[in-house]
Amino acid sequence: MLTENGVNLFSKPADVGAAPSLAHGERPRGLTEAGWVRTTGWLQVGDHPVHSASVAALAGLLWSLVGAAVLVNTAPVLAGVLVLATPLLCGGLWWLYTAYVRPSSSARNIERKHAHELEPGDLVRLCGSIGPIGRVIEVASGEDVRVVYHGGGRQTWPRHQVVHIAELLS
């Protein structure tokens, strides 16, 4: 098992057929019935994922600036309130949505591998560098690499396709 400082030889090996889980064994917030994990956040700065609520707040700020430009001559106070309240409202509502309505886990990409280097137990991004995560339970390598995920999902990649290995954070 990997830890922050390297390899822990005294921990129990992960059950590769088990559902994806957090480092301390808890169920991730975005785990779906199909066995993959819904994630939030499209940006990663270094090792730190940026929650999509921050992106929603930024989008709210941009739209509020457009609205404020229209309103500034007729209702300057409303324009100021709009600029202050809209980003908070957009970010807060999106956070509530990803926490309670459609729960999503935060995750970060930790490395890249070629498809033929995948091993059972790897947590792989299913759609490039962003999007949902699946736990690999079986890898069949031939001309193409066929991967089976926990929950029964399957995917085929060319041998040298670069895939992103992720770590679940919540």
N, C-alpha and C. Protein backbone atom coordinates (compact mmCIF):
# COMPACT_ATOMS: atom_id res chain seq x y z
N MET A 1 0.84 -1.18 0.00
CA MET A 1 0.00 0.00 0.00
C MET A 1 0.87 1.24 0.00
N LEU A 2 0.52 2.23 -0.79
CA LEU A 2 1.25 3.48 -0.80
C LEU A 2 0.77 4.39 0.32
N THR A 3 1.69 5.08 0.94
CA THR A 3 1.37 6.08 1.94
C THR A 3 1.99 7.39 1.49
N GLU A 4 1.85 8.42 2.30
CA GLU A 4 2.44 9.70 1.92
C GLU A 4 3.95 9.62 1.82
N ASN A 5 4.56 8.76 2.63
CA ASN A 5 6.01 8.66 2.66
C ASN A 5 6.57 7.53 1.83
N GLY A 6 5.73 6.80 1.13
CA GLY A 6 6.23 5.71 0.31
C GLY A 6 5.41 4.46 0.46
N VAL A 7 6.06 3.33 0.67
CA VAL A 7 5.39 2.04 0.72
C VAL A 7 5.29 1.58 2.17
N ASN A 8 4.12 1.11 2.56
CA ASN A 8 3.90 0.57 3.88
C ASN A 8 3.80 -0.95 3.72
N LEU A 9 4.83 -1.66 4.11
CA LEU A 9 4.87 -3.10 3.92
C LEU A 9 4.03 -3.86 4.93
N PHE A 10 3.53 -3.20 5.96
CA PHE A 10 2.79 -3.86 7.02
C PHE A 10 1.28 -3.73 6.85
N SER A 11 0.83 -3.03 5.83
CA SER A 11 -0.61 -2.88 5.63
C SER A 11 -1.14 -4.05 4.82
N LYS A 12 -2.44 -4.27 4.94
CA LYS A 12 -3.07 -5.33 4.17
C LYS A 12 -3.19 -4.89 2.71
N PRO A 13 -2.98 -5.80 1.76
CA PRO A 13 -3.14 -5.42 0.36
C PRO A 13 -4.60 -5.10 0.06
N ALA A 14 -4.80 -4.17 -0.86
CA ALA A 14 -6.16 -3.79 -1.24
C ALA A 14 -6.84 -4.94 -1.99
N ASP A 15 -8.12 -5.10 -1.77
CA ASP A 15 -8.91 -6.08 -2.50
C ASP A 15 -9.24 -5.45 -3.85
N VAL A 16 -8.57 -5.92 -4.90
CA VAL A 16 -8.71 -5.28 -6.21
C VAL A 16 -10.10 -5.43 -6.79
N GLY A 17 -10.87 -6.38 -6.34
CA GLY A 17 -12.22 -6.56 -6.83
C GLY A 17 -13.24 -5.71 -6.08
N ALA A 18 -12.79 -5.06 -5.02
CA ALA A 18 -13.69 -4.25 -4.20
C ALA A 18 -14.00 -2.92 -4.88
N ALA A 19 -15.04 -2.28 -4.40
CA ALA A 19 -15.41 -0.96 -4.91
C ALA A 19 -14.30 0.03 -4.60
N PRO A 20 -14.18 1.08 -5.40
CA PRO A 20 -13.19 2.11 -5.09
C PRO A 20 -13.44 2.67 -3.69
N SER A 21 -12.36 2.96 -2.97
CA SER A 21 -12.50 3.49 -1.62
C SER A 21 -11.45 4.56 -1.38
N LEU A 22 -11.64 5.32 -0.31
CA LEU A 22 -10.68 6.34 0.08
C LEU A 22 -9.47 5.66 0.70
N ALA A 23 -8.39 6.41 0.90
CA ALA A 23 -7.15 5.86 1.44
C ALA A 23 -7.37 5.18 2.79
N HIS A 24 -8.26 5.70 3.62
CA HIS A 24 -8.50 5.12 4.94
C HIS A 24 -9.66 4.11 4.92
N GLY A 25 -10.11 3.70 3.75
CA GLY A 25 -11.08 2.63 3.61
C GLY A 25 -12.54 3.01 3.54
N GLU A 26 -12.87 4.29 3.74
CA GLU A 26 -14.27 4.71 3.69
C GLU A 26 -14.79 4.73 2.26
N ARG A 27 -16.10 4.71 2.14
CA ARG A 27 -16.78 4.77 0.84
C ARG A 27 -16.69 6.20 0.30
N PRO A 28 -16.28 6.38 -0.95
CA PRO A 28 -16.23 7.73 -1.52
C PRO A 28 -17.64 8.30 -1.69
N ARG A 29 -17.75 9.61 -1.57
CA ARG A 29 -19.05 10.28 -1.63
C ARG A 29 -19.73 10.07 -2.98
N GLY A 30 -18.97 10.03 -4.07
CA GLY A 30 -19.55 9.95 -5.40
C GLY A 30 -19.70 8.54 -5.97
N LEU A 31 -19.57 7.50 -5.13
CA LEU A 31 -19.68 6.12 -5.62
C LEU A 31 -21.09 5.85 -6.14
N THR A 32 -21.18 5.37 -7.36
CA THR A 32 -22.47 5.10 -7.99
C THR A 32 -22.81 3.61 -7.88
N GLU A 33 -24.05 3.27 -8.18
CA GLU A 33 -24.47 1.87 -8.15
C GLU A 33 -23.74 1.04 -9.19
N ALA A 34 -23.28 1.68 -10.27
CA ALA A 34 -22.57 0.97 -11.33
C ALA A 34 -21.11 0.68 -10.95
N GLY A 35 -20.63 1.22 -9.82
CA GLY A 35 -19.28 0.91 -9.36
C GLY A 35 -18.24 1.95 -9.68
N TRP A 36 -18.56 2.97 -10.47
CA TRP A 36 -17.59 4.02 -10.74
C TRP A 36 -17.89 5.20 -9.83
N VAL A 37 -16.93 6.12 -9.72
CA VAL A 37 -17.05 7.25 -8.81
C VAL A 37 -17.18 8.54 -9.61
N ARG A 38 -18.28 9.26 -9.34
CA ARG A 38 -18.50 10.58 -9.94
C ARG A 38 -17.58 11.56 -9.22
N THR A 39 -16.87 12.41 -9.97
CA THR A 39 -15.95 13.36 -9.37
C THR A 39 -16.31 14.79 -9.72
N THR A 40 -15.85 15.68 -8.89
CA THR A 40 -16.05 17.10 -9.13
C THR A 40 -14.68 17.75 -9.28
N GLY A 41 -14.62 18.80 -10.03
CA GLY A 41 -13.36 19.51 -10.22
C GLY A 41 -12.77 19.20 -11.58
N TRP A 42 -12.52 20.23 -12.33
CA TRP A 42 -11.97 20.05 -13.68
C TRP A 42 -10.56 20.58 -13.76
N LEU A 43 -10.13 21.28 -12.73
CA LEU A 43 -8.79 21.86 -12.74
C LEU A 43 -7.96 21.24 -11.63
N GLN A 44 -6.67 21.18 -11.88
CA GLN A 44 -5.74 20.74 -10.86
C GLN A 44 -4.52 21.63 -10.96
N VAL A 45 -4.18 22.31 -9.88
CA VAL A 45 -3.01 23.18 -9.84
C VAL A 45 -1.96 22.46 -9.02
N GLY A 46 -0.94 21.98 -9.69
CA GLY A 46 0.05 21.15 -9.02
C GLY A 46 -0.61 19.88 -8.53
N ASP A 47 -0.53 19.61 -7.22
CA ASP A 47 -1.16 18.44 -6.63
C ASP A 47 -2.53 18.75 -6.04
N HIS A 48 -2.99 19.97 -6.18
CA HIS A 48 -4.23 20.39 -5.53
C HIS A 48 -5.37 20.52 -6.53
N PRO A 49 -6.43 19.73 -6.34
CA PRO A 49 -7.59 19.86 -7.23
C PRO A 49 -8.37 21.13 -6.89
N VAL A 50 -8.94 21.75 -7.92
CA VAL A 50 -9.78 22.93 -7.74
C VAL A 50 -11.22 22.45 -7.82
N HIS A 51 -11.99 22.66 -6.76
CA HIS A 51 -13.38 22.20 -6.73
C HIS A 51 -14.19 22.94 -7.79
N SER A 52 -15.13 22.26 -8.40
CA SER A 52 -15.94 22.87 -9.45
C SER A 52 -16.83 23.99 -8.91
N ALA A 53 -17.05 24.05 -7.59
CA ALA A 53 -17.79 25.18 -7.02
C ALA A 53 -17.02 26.47 -7.22
N SER A 54 -15.70 26.41 -7.22
CA SER A 54 -14.89 27.61 -7.50
C SER A 54 -15.07 28.05 -8.94
N VAL A 55 -15.16 27.09 -9.84
CA VAL A 55 -15.39 27.41 -11.25
C VAL A 55 -16.78 28.02 -11.43
N ALA A 56 -17.77 27.47 -10.72
CA ALA A 56 -19.14 28.01 -10.77
C ALA A 56 -19.17 29.43 -10.22
N ALA A 57 -18.44 29.70 -9.14
CA ALA A 57 -18.37 31.05 -8.57
C ALA A 57 -17.72 32.01 -9.56
N LEU A 58 -16.69 31.58 -10.23
CA LEU A 58 -16.03 32.43 -11.23
C LEU A 58 -16.97 32.73 -12.40
N ALA A 59 -17.71 31.72 -12.85
CA ALA A 59 -18.70 31.94 -13.92
C ALA A 59 -19.78 32.91 -13.44
N GLY A 60 -20.21 32.77 -12.19
CA GLY A 60 -21.19 33.69 -11.63
C GLY A 60 -20.66 35.11 -11.57
N LEU A 61 -19.39 35.25 -11.24
CA LEU A 61 -18.78 36.59 -11.23
C LEU A 61 -18.78 37.21 -12.61
N LEU A 62 -18.41 36.43 -13.61
CA LEU A 62 -18.39 36.97 -14.98
C LEU A 62 -19.78 37.40 -15.44
N TRP A 63 -20.80 36.57 -15.16
CA TRP A 63 -22.16 36.94 -15.54
C TRP A 63 -22.67 38.13 -14.74
N SER A 64 -22.27 38.21 -13.48
CA SER A 64 -22.72 39.35 -12.66
C SER A 64 -22.09 40.65 -13.14
N LEU A 65 -20.86 40.58 -13.64
CA LEU A 65 -20.23 41.78 -14.18
C LEU A 65 -20.96 42.28 -15.42
N VAL A 66 -21.43 41.35 -16.25
CA VAL A 66 -22.22 41.73 -17.43
C VAL A 66 -23.53 42.37 -16.98
N GLY A 67 -24.21 41.74 -16.01
CA GLY A 67 -25.46 42.29 -15.49
C GLY A 67 -25.25 43.63 -14.82
N ALA A 68 -24.15 43.78 -14.08
CA ALA A 68 -23.87 45.05 -13.42
C ALA A 68 -23.58 46.15 -14.42
N ALA A 69 -22.92 45.82 -15.51
CA ALA A 69 -22.66 46.83 -16.55
C ALA A 69 -23.96 47.36 -17.14
N VAL A 70 -24.95 46.50 -17.26
CA VAL A 70 -26.26 46.92 -17.78
C VAL A 70 -27.00 47.78 -16.75
N LEU A 71 -26.89 47.42 -15.46
CA LEU A 71 -27.66 48.07 -14.41
C LEU A 71 -26.99 49.28 -13.76
N VAL A 72 -25.70 49.48 -13.97
CA VAL A 72 -24.96 50.48 -13.20
C VAL A 72 -25.53 51.89 -13.34
N ASN A 73 -26.05 52.27 -14.49
CA ASN A 73 -26.59 53.63 -14.66
C ASN A 73 -27.97 53.79 -14.02
N THR A 74 -28.79 52.76 -14.04
CA THR A 74 -30.15 52.88 -13.52
C THR A 74 -30.26 52.44 -12.06
N ALA A 75 -29.50 51.46 -11.62
CA ALA A 75 -29.57 50.96 -10.24
C ALA A 75 -28.17 50.58 -9.76
N PRO A 76 -27.35 51.56 -9.39
CA PRO A 76 -25.96 51.25 -9.02
C PRO A 76 -25.84 50.38 -7.78
N VAL A 77 -26.73 50.54 -6.81
CA VAL A 77 -26.66 49.70 -5.60
C VAL A 77 -26.97 48.25 -5.95
N LEU A 78 -28.00 48.04 -6.76
CA LEU A 78 -28.35 46.69 -7.20
C LEU A 78 -27.21 46.05 -7.99
N ALA A 79 -26.53 46.88 -8.81
CA ALA A 79 -25.39 46.37 -9.58
C ALA A 79 -24.28 45.90 -8.64
N GLY A 80 -24.02 46.64 -7.57
CA GLY A 80 -23.00 46.25 -6.61
C GLY A 80 -23.38 44.99 -5.85
N VAL A 81 -24.65 44.89 -5.44
CA VAL A 81 -25.12 43.70 -4.74
C VAL A 81 -25.04 42.49 -5.66
N LEU A 82 -25.38 42.69 -6.92
CA LEU A 82 -25.33 41.61 -7.90
C LEU A 82 -23.91 41.06 -8.03
N VAL A 83 -22.93 41.94 -8.08
CA VAL A 83 -21.53 41.52 -8.23
C VAL A 83 -21.05 40.78 -6.98
N LEU A 84 -21.53 41.17 -5.82
CA LEU A 84 -21.11 40.51 -4.58
C LEU A 84 -21.85 39.19 -4.33
N ALA A 85 -23.14 39.18 -4.61
CA ALA A 85 -23.97 38.03 -4.24
C ALA A 85 -23.95 36.89 -5.25
N THR A 86 -23.88 37.20 -6.52
CA THR A 86 -24.00 36.17 -7.55
C THR A 86 -22.89 35.11 -7.47
N PRO A 87 -21.61 35.49 -7.33
CA PRO A 87 -20.59 34.43 -7.22
C PRO A 87 -20.80 33.55 -5.99
N LEU A 88 -21.17 34.14 -4.86
CA LEU A 88 -21.41 33.34 -3.66
C LEU A 88 -22.59 32.41 -3.86
N LEU A 89 -23.64 32.91 -4.46
CA LEU A 89 -24.83 32.09 -4.71
C LEU A 89 -24.52 30.95 -5.69
N CYS A 90 -23.84 31.26 -6.79
CA CYS A 90 -23.52 30.23 -7.79
C CYS A 90 -22.59 29.16 -7.19
N GLY A 91 -21.52 29.58 -6.52
CA GLY A 91 -20.59 28.62 -5.92
C GLY A 91 -21.25 27.81 -4.83
N GLY A 92 -22.05 28.45 -3.98
CA GLY A 92 -22.73 27.75 -2.90
C GLY A 92 -23.76 26.75 -3.39
N LEU A 93 -24.55 27.16 -4.37
CA LEU A 93 -25.55 26.24 -4.92
C LEU A 93 -24.90 25.05 -5.61
N TRP A 94 -23.82 25.29 -6.34
CA TRP A 94 -23.12 24.18 -7.00
C TRP A 94 -22.51 23.25 -5.96
N TRP A 95 -21.95 23.80 -4.88
CA TRP A 95 -21.38 22.96 -3.83
C TRP A 95 -22.49 22.09 -3.21
N LEU A 96 -23.65 22.67 -2.92
CA LEU A 96 -24.78 21.90 -2.38
C LEU A 96 -25.21 20.80 -3.34
N TYR A 97 -25.23 21.13 -4.62
CA TYR A 97 -25.61 20.16 -5.64
C TYR A 97 -24.65 18.97 -5.65
N THR A 98 -23.33 19.24 -5.63
CA THR A 98 -22.34 18.16 -5.69
C THR A 98 -22.14 17.47 -4.36
N ALA A 99 -22.66 18.05 -3.28
CA ALA A 99 -22.54 17.40 -1.98
C ALA A 99 -23.77 16.56 -1.63
N TYR A 100 -24.96 17.01 -2.05
CA TYR A 100 -26.18 16.35 -1.60
C TYR A 100 -27.08 15.83 -2.72
N VAL A 101 -27.27 16.59 -3.79
CA VAL A 101 -28.19 16.17 -4.85
C VAL A 101 -27.56 15.08 -5.71
N ARG A 102 -26.39 15.35 -6.27
CA ARG A 102 -25.61 14.39 -7.06
C ARG A 102 -24.22 14.31 -6.44
N PRO A 103 -24.08 13.56 -5.35
CA PRO A 103 -22.81 13.55 -4.62
C PRO A 103 -21.63 13.22 -5.53
N SER A 104 -20.57 13.97 -5.36
CA SER A 104 -19.36 13.80 -6.15
C SER A 104 -18.15 13.85 -5.23
N SER A 105 -17.16 13.07 -5.55
CA SER A 105 -15.93 13.04 -4.76
C SER A 105 -14.89 13.95 -5.39
N SER A 106 -14.03 14.52 -4.54
CA SER A 106 -12.89 15.21 -5.10
C SER A 106 -11.77 14.20 -5.29
N ALA A 107 -11.00 14.42 -6.31
CA ALA A 107 -9.91 13.50 -6.65
C ALA A 107 -8.79 14.29 -7.30
N ARG A 108 -7.63 13.71 -7.29
CA ARG A 108 -6.51 14.34 -8.01
C ARG A 108 -5.76 13.28 -8.79
N ASN A 109 -5.25 13.70 -9.92
CA ASN A 109 -4.43 12.81 -10.75
C ASN A 109 -3.05 12.74 -10.13
N ILE A 110 -2.54 11.52 -9.96
CA ILE A 110 -1.23 11.38 -9.31
C ILE A 110 -0.14 10.90 -10.26
N GLU A 111 -0.53 10.24 -11.34
CA GLU A 111 0.47 9.80 -12.32
C GLU A 111 -0.22 9.42 -13.62
N ARG A 112 0.60 9.17 -14.63
CA ARG A 112 0.10 8.67 -15.91
C ARG A 112 0.80 7.35 -16.21
N LYS A 113 0.05 6.48 -16.85
CA LYS A 113 0.61 5.20 -17.29
C LYS A 113 0.13 4.93 -18.70
N HIS A 114 0.87 4.11 -19.40
CA HIS A 114 0.37 3.60 -20.67
C HIS A 114 -0.64 2.50 -20.35
N ALA A 115 -1.59 2.30 -21.22
CA ALA A 115 -2.66 1.33 -20.97
C ALA A 115 -2.11 -0.06 -20.69
N HIS A 116 -1.05 -0.46 -21.36
CA HIS A 116 -0.51 -1.81 -21.15
C HIS A 116 0.19 -1.95 -19.80
N GLU A 117 0.43 -0.85 -19.07
CA GLU A 117 1.06 -0.90 -17.75
C GLU A 117 0.05 -0.95 -16.61
N LEU A 118 -1.25 -0.88 -16.93
CA LEU A 118 -2.27 -0.90 -15.89
C LEU A 118 -2.26 -2.22 -15.14
N GLU A 119 -2.61 -2.14 -13.86
CA GLU A 119 -2.66 -3.32 -13.00
C GLU A 119 -3.99 -3.33 -12.26
N PRO A 120 -4.45 -4.52 -11.88
CA PRO A 120 -5.66 -4.57 -11.05
C PRO A 120 -5.47 -3.76 -9.77
N GLY A 121 -6.50 -2.99 -9.40
CA GLY A 121 -6.43 -2.13 -8.23
C GLY A 121 -6.19 -0.67 -8.56
N ASP A 122 -5.70 -0.37 -9.77
CA ASP A 122 -5.48 1.02 -10.16
C ASP A 122 -6.81 1.76 -10.25
N LEU A 123 -6.82 3.01 -9.79
CA LEU A 123 -7.97 3.89 -9.95
C LEU A 123 -7.71 4.76 -11.17
N VAL A 124 -8.52 4.59 -12.21
CA VAL A 124 -8.26 5.20 -13.51
C VAL A 124 -9.36 6.20 -13.85
N ARG A 125 -8.96 7.34 -14.43
CA ARG A 125 -9.93 8.30 -14.98
C ARG A 125 -10.50 7.67 -16.24
N LEU A 126 -11.81 7.61 -16.34
CA LEU A 126 -12.45 6.94 -17.47
C LEU A 126 -12.52 7.80 -18.72
N CYS A 127 -12.41 9.12 -18.57
CA CYS A 127 -12.58 10.04 -19.72
C CYS A 127 -11.40 10.98 -19.85
N GLY A 128 -10.21 10.47 -20.00
CA GLY A 128 -9.05 11.34 -20.14
C GLY A 128 -8.52 11.78 -18.80
N SER A 129 -8.25 13.09 -18.65
CA SER A 129 -7.65 13.60 -17.42
C SER A 129 -8.69 14.10 -16.42
N ILE A 130 -9.97 14.10 -16.81
CA ILE A 130 -11.04 14.53 -15.90
C ILE A 130 -12.15 13.50 -15.92
N GLY A 131 -13.12 13.70 -15.08
CA GLY A 131 -14.30 12.85 -15.13
C GLY A 131 -14.27 11.72 -14.13
N PRO A 132 -15.17 10.75 -14.32
CA PRO A 132 -15.34 9.69 -13.33
C PRO A 132 -14.13 8.78 -13.23
N ILE A 133 -14.11 8.02 -12.12
CA ILE A 133 -12.99 7.12 -11.83
C ILE A 133 -13.54 5.71 -11.67
N GLY A 134 -12.80 4.74 -12.19
CA GLY A 134 -13.14 3.34 -12.02
C GLY A 134 -11.95 2.56 -11.48
N ARG A 135 -12.23 1.50 -10.70
CA ARG A 135 -11.16 0.64 -10.19
C ARG A 135 -10.98 -0.53 -11.15
N VAL A 136 -9.76 -0.69 -11.63
CA VAL A 136 -9.43 -1.77 -12.55
C VAL A 136 -9.43 -3.09 -11.78
N ILE A 137 -10.16 -4.09 -12.31
CA ILE A 137 -10.12 -5.42 -11.68
C ILE A 137 -9.49 -6.46 -12.59
N GLU A 138 -9.42 -6.17 -13.90
CA GLU A 138 -8.84 -7.14 -14.83
C GLU A 138 -8.27 -6.39 -16.03
N VAL A 139 -7.08 -6.81 -16.46
CA VAL A 139 -6.43 -6.22 -17.63
C VAL A 139 -6.04 -7.36 -18.57
N ALA A 140 -6.48 -7.27 -19.83
CA ALA A 140 -6.10 -8.26 -20.83
C ALA A 140 -5.36 -7.51 -21.93
N SER A 141 -4.09 -7.86 -22.09
CA SER A 141 -3.25 -7.15 -23.03
C SER A 141 -3.04 -7.99 -24.28
N GLY A 142 -3.27 -7.38 -25.39
CA GLY A 142 -3.05 -8.01 -26.69
C GLY A 142 -2.65 -6.90 -27.64
N GLU A 143 -3.25 -6.90 -28.84
CA GLU A 143 -3.03 -5.79 -29.75
C GLU A 143 -3.57 -4.50 -29.13
N ASP A 144 -4.73 -4.61 -28.48
CA ASP A 144 -5.30 -3.54 -27.68
C ASP A 144 -5.38 -4.03 -26.24
N VAL A 145 -5.56 -3.08 -25.33
CA VAL A 145 -5.68 -3.43 -23.92
C VAL A 145 -7.15 -3.35 -23.53
N ARG A 146 -7.68 -4.45 -23.03
CA ARG A 146 -9.07 -4.50 -22.57
C ARG A 146 -9.07 -4.45 -21.06
N VAL A 147 -9.79 -3.48 -20.52
CA VAL A 147 -9.83 -3.28 -19.07
C VAL A 147 -11.25 -3.52 -18.58
N VAL A 148 -11.37 -4.26 -17.48
CA VAL A 148 -12.66 -4.48 -16.83
C VAL A 148 -12.60 -3.75 -15.49
N TYR A 149 -13.66 -2.99 -15.20
CA TYR A 149 -13.73 -2.21 -13.97
C TYR A 149 -14.68 -2.86 -12.97
N HIS A 150 -14.51 -2.51 -11.71
CA HIS A 150 -15.45 -2.92 -10.68
C HIS A 150 -16.84 -2.46 -11.11
N GLY A 151 -17.82 -3.30 -11.00
CA GLY A 151 -19.17 -2.97 -11.42
C GLY A 151 -19.49 -3.48 -12.82
N GLY A 152 -18.49 -3.99 -13.54
CA GLY A 152 -18.74 -4.59 -14.84
C GLY A 152 -18.44 -3.73 -16.04
N GLY A 153 -18.08 -2.48 -15.85
CA GLY A 153 -17.73 -1.63 -16.99
C GLY A 153 -16.50 -2.14 -17.71
N ARG A 154 -16.45 -1.91 -19.00
CA ARG A 154 -15.32 -2.37 -19.82
C ARG A 154 -14.87 -1.23 -20.72
N GLN A 155 -13.58 -1.24 -21.03
CA GLN A 155 -13.02 -0.23 -21.92
C GLN A 155 -11.84 -0.83 -22.66
N THR A 156 -11.66 -0.41 -23.90
CA THR A 156 -10.53 -0.89 -24.71
C THR A 156 -9.72 0.31 -25.16
N TRP A 157 -8.40 0.21 -24.99
CA TRP A 157 -7.49 1.27 -25.39
C TRP A 157 -6.36 0.69 -26.23
N PRO A 158 -5.77 1.50 -27.11
CA PRO A 158 -4.52 1.08 -27.75
C PRO A 158 -3.45 0.90 -26.67
N ARG A 159 -2.47 0.03 -26.92
CA ARG A 159 -1.45 -0.28 -25.91
C ARG A 159 -0.73 0.94 -25.37
N HIS A 160 -0.46 1.92 -26.20
CA HIS A 160 0.34 3.08 -25.77
C HIS A 160 -0.52 4.29 -25.43
N GLN A 161 -1.83 4.08 -25.25
CA GLN A 161 -2.71 5.16 -24.81
C GLN A 161 -2.31 5.57 -23.39
N VAL A 162 -2.14 6.86 -23.16
CA VAL A 162 -1.81 7.35 -21.83
C VAL A 162 -3.10 7.50 -21.04
N VAL A 163 -3.13 6.90 -19.84
CA VAL A 163 -4.29 7.00 -18.97
C VAL A 163 -3.85 7.64 -17.66
N HIS A 164 -4.78 8.30 -16.99
CA HIS A 164 -4.48 9.01 -15.75
C HIS A 164 -4.91 8.18 -14.55
N ILE A 165 -3.97 7.99 -13.65
CA ILE A 165 -4.21 7.30 -12.38
C ILE A 165 -4.57 8.37 -11.37
N ALA A 166 -5.63 8.15 -10.60
CA ALA A 166 -6.12 9.17 -9.69
C ALA A 166 -6.14 8.66 -8.25
N GLU A 167 -6.29 9.62 -7.35
CA GLU A 167 -6.45 9.32 -5.92
C GLU A 167 -7.73 10.00 -5.46
N LEU A 168 -8.59 9.25 -4.79
CA LEU A 168 -9.84 9.81 -4.27
C LEU A 168 -9.55 10.53 -2.96
N LEU A 169 -10.12 11.74 -2.82
CA LEU A 169 -9.89 12.54 -1.62
C LEU A 169 -11.12 12.65 -0.72
N SER A 170 -12.32 12.46 -1.28
CA SER A 170 -13.53 12.55 -0.44
C SER A 170 -14.60 11.61 -0.95
